[in-house]
PDB file of N, CA and C in Angstrom:
ATOM      1  N   MET A   1      84.222 -37.750 133.519  1.00  0.00           N
ATOM      2  CA  MET A   1      84.019 -39.011 134.142  1.00  0.00           C
ATOM      3  C   MET A   1      83.108 -38.870 135.403  1.00  0.00           C
ATOM      4  N   THR A   2      82.209 -39.883 135.583  1.00  0.00           N
ATOM      5  CA  THR A   2      81.533 -39.901 136.809  1.00  0.00           C
ATOM      6  C   THR A   2      82.080 -40.982 137.721  1.00  0.00           C
ATOM      7  N   ASN A   3      81.374 -41.082 138.838  1.00  0.00           N
ATOM      8  CA  ASN A   3      81.846 -42.186 139.676  1.00  0.00           C
ATOM      9  C   ASN A   3      80.585 -42.933 140.259  1.00  0.00           C
ATOM     10  N   THR A   4      80.898 -44.099 140.796  1.00  0.00           N
ATOM     11  CA  THR A   4      79.711 -44.895 141.286  1.00  0.00           C
ATOM     12  C   THR A   4      79.754 -45.075 142.842  1.00  0.00           C
ATOM     13  N   ILE A   5      80.311 -44.109 143.564  1.00  0.00           N
ATOM     14  CA  ILE A   5      80.388 -44.097 144.950  1.00  0.00           C
ATOM     15  C   ILE A   5      78.998 -44.295 145.629  1.00  0.00           C
ATOM     16  N   LYS A   6      78.047 -43.465 145.095  1.00  0.00           N
ATOM     17  CA  LYS A   6      76.637 -43.537 145.498  1.00  0.00           C
ATOM     18  C   LYS A   6      76.052 -45.062 145.422  1.00  0.00           C
ATOM     19  N   TYR A   7      76.295 -45.535 144.304  1.00  0.00           N
ATOM     20  CA  TYR A   7      75.817 -46.922 144.038  1.00  0.00           C
ATOM     21  C   TYR A   7      76.365 -47.919 145.081  1.00  0.00           C
ATOM     22  N   TRP A   8      77.683 -47.896 145.318  1.00  0.00           N
ATOM     23  CA  TRP A   8      78.379 -48.734 146.243  1.00  0.00           C
ATOM     24  C   TRP A   8      77.831 -48.389 147.691  1.00  0.00           C
ATOM     25  N   ARG A   9      77.728 -47.216 148.055  1.00  0.00           N
ATOM     26  CA  ARG A   9      77.323 -46.795 149.279  1.00  0.00           C
ATOM     27  C   ARG A   9      75.907 -47.255 149.624  1.00  0.00           C
ATOM     28  N   ASN A  10      75.018 -47.094 148.619  1.00  0.00           N
ATOM     29  CA  ASN A  10      73.668 -47.526 148.864  1.00  0.00           C
ATOM     30  C   ASN A  10      73.617 -49.011 148.871  1.00  0.00           C
ATOM     31  N   LYS A  11      74.360 -49.689 148.135  1.00  0.00           N
ATOM     32  CA  LYS A  11      74.441 -51.152 148.125  1.00  0.00           C
ATOM     33  C   LYS A  11      74.778 -51.615 149.629  1.00  0.00           C
ATOM     34  N   ARG A  12      75.676 -50.919 150.195  1.00  0.00           N
ATOM     35  CA  ARG A  12      76.122 -51.348 151.599  1.00  0.00           C
ATOM     36  C   ARG A  12      75.213 -50.648 152.716  1.00  0.00           C
ATOM     37  N   LYS A  13      74.155 -50.028 152.187  1.00  0.00           N
ATOM     38  CA  LYS A  13      73.103 -49.368 153.155  1.00  0.00           C
ATOM     39  C   LYS A  13      73.842 -48.451 154.080  1.00  0.00           C
ATOM     40  N   MET A  14      74.654 -47.550 153.613  1.00  0.00           N
ATOM     41  CA  MET A  14      75.424 -46.574 154.345  1.00  0.00           C
ATOM     42  C   MET A  14      74.873 -45.212 153.963  1.00  0.00           C
ATOM     43  N   SER A  15      74.766 -44.310 154.984  1.00  0.00           N
ATOM     44  CA  SER A  15      74.486 -42.945 154.731  1.00  0.00           C
ATOM     45  C   SER A  15      75.723 -42.191 154.223  1.00  0.00           C
ATOM     46  N   GLN A  16      75.467 -40.925 153.686  1.00  0.00           N
ATOM     47  CA  GLN A  16      76.602 -40.236 153.266  1.00  0.00           C
ATOM     48  C   GLN A  16      77.459 -39.805 154.479  1.00  0.00           C
ATOM     49  N   ALA A  17      76.742 -39.473 155.657  1.00  0.00           N
ATOM     50  CA  ALA A  17      77.421 -39.225 156.947  1.00  0.00           C
ATOM     51  C   ALA A  17      78.303 -40.241 157.343  1.00  0.00           C
ATOM     52  N   GLN A  18      77.858 -41.478 157.377  1.00  0.00           N
ATOM     53  CA  GLN A  18      78.608 -42.639 157.737  1.00  0.00           C
ATOM     54  C   GLN A  18      79.865 -42.848 156.953  1.00  0.00           C
ATOM     55  N   LEU A  19      79.695 -42.824 155.537  1.00  0.00           N
ATOM     56  CA  LEU A  19      80.933 -42.968 154.707  1.00  0.00           C
ATOM     57  C   LEU A  19      81.837 -41.867 154.844  1.00  0.00           C
ATOM     58  N   ALA A  20      81.268 -40.592 154.921  1.00  0.00           N
ATOM     59  CA  ALA A  20      82.304 -39.434 155.012  1.00  0.00           C
ATOM     60  C   ALA A  20      83.053 -39.551 156.311  1.00  0.00           C
ATOM     61  N   GLU A  21      82.462 -39.998 157.354  1.00  0.00           N
ATOM     62  CA  GLU A  21      83.075 -40.127 158.709  1.00  0.00           C
ATOM     63  C   GLU A  21      84.290 -41.246 158.577  1.00  0.00           C
ATOM     64  N   ILE A  22      83.959 -42.393 157.979  1.00  0.00           N
ATOM     65  CA  ILE A  22      84.904 -43.530 157.797  1.00  0.00           C
ATOM     66  C   ILE A  22      86.146 -43.091 156.945  1.00  0.00           C
ATOM     67  N   VAL A  23      85.857 -42.462 155.799  1.00  0.00           N
ATOM     68  CA  VAL A  23      86.921 -41.918 154.909  1.00  0.00           C
ATOM     69  C   VAL A  23      87.556 -40.661 155.168  1.00  0.00           C
ATOM     70  N   GLU A  24      87.165 -39.896 156.252  1.00  0.00           N
ATOM     71  CA  GLU A  24      87.619 -38.817 156.869  1.00  0.00           C
ATOM     72  C   GLU A  24      87.443 -37.585 155.853  1.00  0.00           C
ATOM     73  N   ILE A  25      86.238 -37.393 155.398  1.00  0.00           N
ATOM     74  CA  ILE A  25      85.924 -36.194 154.655  1.00  0.00           C
ATOM     75  C   ILE A  25      84.640 -35.662 155.200  1.00  0.00           C
ATOM     76  N   ASP A  26      84.293 -34.481 154.818  1.00  0.00           N
ATOM     77  CA  ASP A  26      82.951 -33.992 155.376  1.00  0.00           C
ATOM     78  C   ASP A  26      81.880 -34.340 154.416  1.00  0.00           C
ATOM     79  N   ARG A  27      80.608 -34.526 154.900  1.00  0.00           N
ATOM     80  CA  ARG A  27      79.574 -35.033 154.208  1.00  0.00           C
ATOM     81  C   ARG A  27      79.228 -34.104 152.894  1.00  0.00           C
ATOM     82  N   PRO A  28      79.296 -32.776 153.102  1.00  0.00           N
ATOM     83  CA  PRO A  28      79.031 -31.922 151.884  1.00  0.00           C
ATOM     84  C   PRO A  28      79.969 -32.201 150.732  1.00  0.00           C
ATOM     85  N   THR A  29      81.264 -32.504 150.996  1.00  0.00           N
ATOM     86  CA  THR A  29      82.225 -32.910 150.033  1.00  0.00           C
ATOM     87  C   THR A  29      81.799 -34.161 149.345  1.00  0.00           C
ATOM     88  N   LEU A  30      81.434 -35.172 150.169  1.00  0.00           N
ATOM     89  CA  LEU A  30      80.953 -36.483 149.579  1.00  0.00           C
ATOM     90  C   LEU A  30      79.869 -36.210 148.686  1.00  0.00           C
ATOM     91  N   SER A  31      78.783 -35.472 149.122  1.00  0.00           N
ATOM     92  CA  SER A  31      77.740 -35.134 148.316  1.00  0.00           C
ATOM     93  C   SER A  31      78.024 -34.622 147.009  1.00  0.00           C
ATOM     94  N   LYS A  32      79.081 -33.571 147.008  1.00  0.00           N
ATOM     95  CA  LYS A  32      79.522 -33.045 145.749  1.00  0.00           C
ATOM     96  C   LYS A  32      80.140 -34.155 144.840  1.00  0.00           C
ATOM     97  N   ILE A  33      81.009 -35.005 145.365  1.00  0.00           N
ATOM     98  CA  ILE A  33      81.572 -36.017 144.703  1.00  0.00           C
ATOM     99  C   ILE A  33      80.576 -36.971 144.052  1.00  0.00           C
ATOM    100  N   GLU A  34      79.539 -37.319 144.829  1.00  0.00           N
ATOM    101  CA  GLU A  34      78.488 -38.203 144.292  1.00  0.00           C
ATOM    102  C   GLU A  34      77.539 -37.556 143.248  1.00  0.00           C
ATOM    103  N   ASN A  35      77.473 -36.345 143.191  1.00  0.00           N
ATOM    104  CA  ASN A  35      76.584 -35.565 142.369  1.00  0.00           C
ATOM    105  C   ASN A  35      76.966 -35.677 140.879  1.00  0.00           C
ATOM    106  N   PRO A  36      76.335 -36.397 140.032  1.00  0.00           N
ATOM    107  CA  PRO A  36      76.776 -36.496 138.607  1.00  0.00           C
ATOM    108  C   PRO A  36      76.835 -35.076 137.818  1.00  0.00           C
ATOM    109  N   ASN A  37      76.031 -34.160 138.325  1.00  0.00           N
ATOM    110  CA  ASN A  37      76.075 -32.833 137.629  1.00  0.00           C
ATOM    111  C   ASN A  37      77.155 -31.927 138.048  1.00  0.00           C
ATOM    112  N   ILE A  38      78.001 -32.441 138.982  1.00  0.00           N
ATOM    113  CA  ILE A  38      79.154 -31.682 139.401  1.00  0.00           C
ATOM    114  C   ILE A  38      80.467 -32.511 138.992  1.00  0.00           C
ATOM    115  N   PRO A  39      81.201 -31.965 138.160  1.00  0.00           N
ATOM    116  CA  PRO A  39      82.355 -32.902 137.659  1.00  0.00           C
ATOM    117  C   PRO A  39      83.534 -32.885 138.565  1.00  0.00           C
ATOM    118  N   ILE A  40      83.216 -33.508 139.805  1.00  0.00           N
ATOM    119  CA  ILE A  40      84.292 -33.758 140.857  1.00  0.00           C
ATOM    120  C   ILE A  40      84.446 -35.212 141.080  1.00  0.00           C
ATOM    121  N   ASP A  41      85.591 -35.714 140.854  1.00  0.00           N
ATOM    122  CA  ASP A  41      85.917 -37.117 141.174  1.00  0.00           C
ATOM    123  C   ASP A  41      86.840 -37.190 142.398  1.00  0.00           C
ATOM    124  N   PRO A  42      86.800 -38.253 143.131  1.00  0.00           N
ATOM    125  CA  PRO A  42      87.699 -38.407 144.300  1.00  0.00           C
ATOM    126  C   PRO A  42      89.140 -38.518 143.811  1.00  0.00           C
ATOM    127  N   ASP A  43      90.003 -37.973 144.647  1.00  0.00           N
ATOM    128  CA  ASP A  43      91.427 -38.142 144.213  1.00  0.00           C
ATOM    129  C   ASP A  43      91.817 -39.549 144.475  1.00  0.00           C
ATOM    130  N   GLU A  44      93.067 -39.892 144.032  1.00  0.00           N
ATOM    131  CA  GLU A  44      93.408 -41.301 144.069  1.00  0.00           C
ATOM    132  C   GLU A  44      93.430 -41.896 145.457  1.00  0.00           C
ATOM    133  N   LYS A  45      93.851 -41.143 146.425  1.00  0.00           N
ATOM    134  CA  LYS A  45      93.930 -41.632 147.916  1.00  0.00           C
ATOM    135  C   LYS A  45      92.522 -41.903 148.347  1.00  0.00           C
ATOM    136  N   LEU A  46      91.544 -41.113 148.094  1.00  0.00           N
ATOM    137  CA  LEU A  46      90.153 -41.171 148.506  1.00  0.00           C
ATOM    138  C   LEU A  46      89.581 -42.370 147.722  1.00  0.00           C
ATOM    139  N   ALA A  47      89.733 -42.496 146.474  1.00  0.00           N
ATOM    140  CA  ALA A  47      89.196 -43.578 145.614  1.00  0.00           C
ATOM    141  C   ALA A  47      89.699 -44.943 146.144  1.00  0.00           C
ATOM    142  N   LEU A  48      90.954 -44.904 146.527  1.00  0.00           N
ATOM    143  CA  LEU A  48      91.486 -46.229 146.990  1.00  0.00           C
ATOM    144  C   LEU A  48      90.929 -46.566 148.377  1.00  0.00           C
ATOM    145  N   LYS A  49      90.748 -45.640 149.334  1.00  0.00           N
ATOM    146  CA  LYS A  49      90.164 -45.821 150.559  1.00  0.00           C
ATOM    147  C   LYS A  49      88.748 -46.420 150.429  1.00  0.00           C
ATOM    148  N   ILE A  50      87.927 -45.806 149.554  1.00  0.00           N
ATOM    149  CA  ILE A  50      86.497 -46.244 149.292  1.00  0.00           C
ATOM    150  C   ILE A  50      86.549 -47.505 148.729  1.00  0.00           C
ATOM    151  N   ALA A  51      87.445 -47.772 147.737  1.00  0.00           N
ATOM    152  CA  ALA A  51      87.427 -49.152 147.042  1.00  0.00           C
ATOM    153  C   ALA A  51      87.673 -50.170 148.160  1.00  0.00           C
ATOM    154  N   ARG A  52      88.727 -50.037 148.925  1.00  0.00           N
ATOM    155  CA  ARG A  52      89.092 -50.959 149.977  1.00  0.00           C
ATOM    156  C   ARG A  52      87.908 -51.168 150.955  1.00  0.00           C
ATOM    157  N   LEU A  53      87.259 -50.068 151.367  1.00  0.00           N
ATOM    158  CA  LEU A  53      86.200 -50.191 152.222  1.00  0.00           C
ATOM    159  C   LEU A  53      85.040 -51.137 151.686  1.00  0.00           C
ATOM    160  N   PHE A  54      84.696 -50.958 150.387  1.00  0.00           N
ATOM    161  CA  PHE A  54      83.704 -51.641 149.822  1.00  0.00           C
ATOM    162  C   PHE A  54      84.107 -53.076 149.232  1.00  0.00           C
ATOM    163  N   GLY A  55      85.451 -53.297 149.163  1.00  0.00           N
ATOM    164  CA  GLY A  55      85.876 -54.498 148.675  1.00  0.00           C
ATOM    165  C   GLY A  55      85.807 -54.640 147.209  1.00  0.00           C
ATOM    166  N   VAL A  56      86.052 -53.417 146.620  1.00  0.00           N
ATOM    167  CA  VAL A  56      85.909 -53.501 145.029  1.00  0.00           C
ATOM    168  C   VAL A  56      87.267 -52.951 144.642  1.00  0.00           C
ATOM    169  N   LEU A  57      87.352 -52.927 143.301  1.00  0.00           N
ATOM    170  CA  LEU A  57      88.576 -52.311 142.581  1.00  0.00           C
ATOM    171  C   LEU A  57      88.303 -50.790 142.452  1.00  0.00           C
ATOM    172  N   VAL A  58      89.398 -50.022 142.317  1.00  0.00           N
ATOM    173  CA  VAL A  58      89.337 -48.540 142.074  1.00  0.00           C
ATOM    174  C   VAL A  58      88.583 -48.298 140.847  1.00  0.00           C
ATOM    175  N   THR A  59      88.899 -49.216 139.830  1.00  0.00           N
ATOM    176  CA  THR A  59      88.086 -49.004 138.610  1.00  0.00           C
ATOM    177  C   THR A  59      86.647 -49.214 138.725  1.00  0.00           C
ATOM    178  N   ASP A  60      86.195 -50.011 139.758  1.00  0.00           N
ATOM    179  CA  ASP A  60      84.845 -50.026 140.016  1.00  0.00           C
ATOM    180  C   ASP A  60      84.175 -48.804 140.593  1.00  0.00           C
ATOM    181  N   ILE A  61      84.931 -48.028 141.264  1.00  0.00           N
ATOM    182  CA  ILE A  61      84.647 -46.717 141.842  1.00  0.00           C
ATOM    183  C   ILE A  61      84.488 -45.686 140.712  1.00  0.00           C
ATOM    184  N   LEU A  62      85.429 -45.699 139.754  1.00  0.00           N
ATOM    185  CA  LEU A  62      85.525 -44.663 138.687  1.00  0.00           C
ATOM    186  C   LEU A  62      85.058 -45.067 137.384  1.00  0.00           C
ATOM    187  N   ARG A  63      83.948 -45.721 137.498  1.00  0.00           N
ATOM    188  CA  ARG A  63      83.151 -46.115 136.140  1.00  0.00           C
ATOM    189  C   ARG A  63      82.385 -45.009 135.692  1.00  0.00           C
ATOM    190  N   ARG A  64      82.077 -45.011 134.421  1.00  0.00           N
ATOM    191  CA  ARG A  64      81.285 -43.923 133.788  1.00  0.00           C
ATOM    192  C   ARG A  64      79.868 -44.167 134.066  1.00  0.00           C
ATOM    193  N   GLU A  65      79.437 -45.512 134.118  1.00  0.00           N
ATOM    194  CA  GLU A  65      77.977 -45.790 134.267  1.00  0.00           C
ATOM    195  C   GLU A  65      77.841 -46.973 135.111  1.00  0.00           C
ATOM    196  N   ILE A  66      76.667 -46.968 135.843  1.00  0.00           N
ATOM    197  CA  ILE A  66      76.511 -48.106 136.722  1.00  0.00           C
ATOM    198  C   ILE A  66      76.283 -49.450 135.953  1.00  0.00           C
ATOM    199  N   GLU A  67      75.681 -49.356 134.766  1.00  0.00           N
ATOM    200  CA  GLU A  67      75.539 -50.397 133.893  1.00  0.00           C
ATOM    201  C   GLU A  67      76.836 -51.224 133.705  1.00  0.00           C
ATOM    202  N   GLU A  68      77.961 -50.565 133.717  1.00  0.00           N
ATOM    203  CA  GLU A  68      79.177 -51.225 133.516  1.00  0.00           C
ATOM    204  C   GLU A  68      79.561 -52.166 134.688  1.00  0.00           C
ATOM    205  N   ILE A  69      78.873 -52.005 135.765  1.00  0.00           N
ATOM    206  CA  ILE A  69      79.185 -52.846 136.948  1.00  0.00           C
ATOM    207  C   ILE A  69      78.347 -54.193 136.867  1.00  0.00           C
ATOM    208  N   GLU A  70      77.197 -54.036 136.465  1.00  0.00           N
ATOM    209  CA  GLU A  70      76.303 -55.104 136.640  1.00  0.00           C
ATOM    210  C   GLU A  70      76.305 -55.985 135.327  1.00  0.00           C
TER     211      GLU A  70
END
């Protein structure tokens, strides 16, 4: 599974550093989570935090493809 955190972050014009600080993780960890070549997804707590921040459902964060959103 991949996630769409980068999509939502870019849509809100946030840097990785900004998002990482808000959700209380380090930027390199966020970078790994956003990287589609590294099979790391956020844990439930982090996915929920990010979804709430962006005003979307957790399922919108844990989509396989961006096209599923649009």
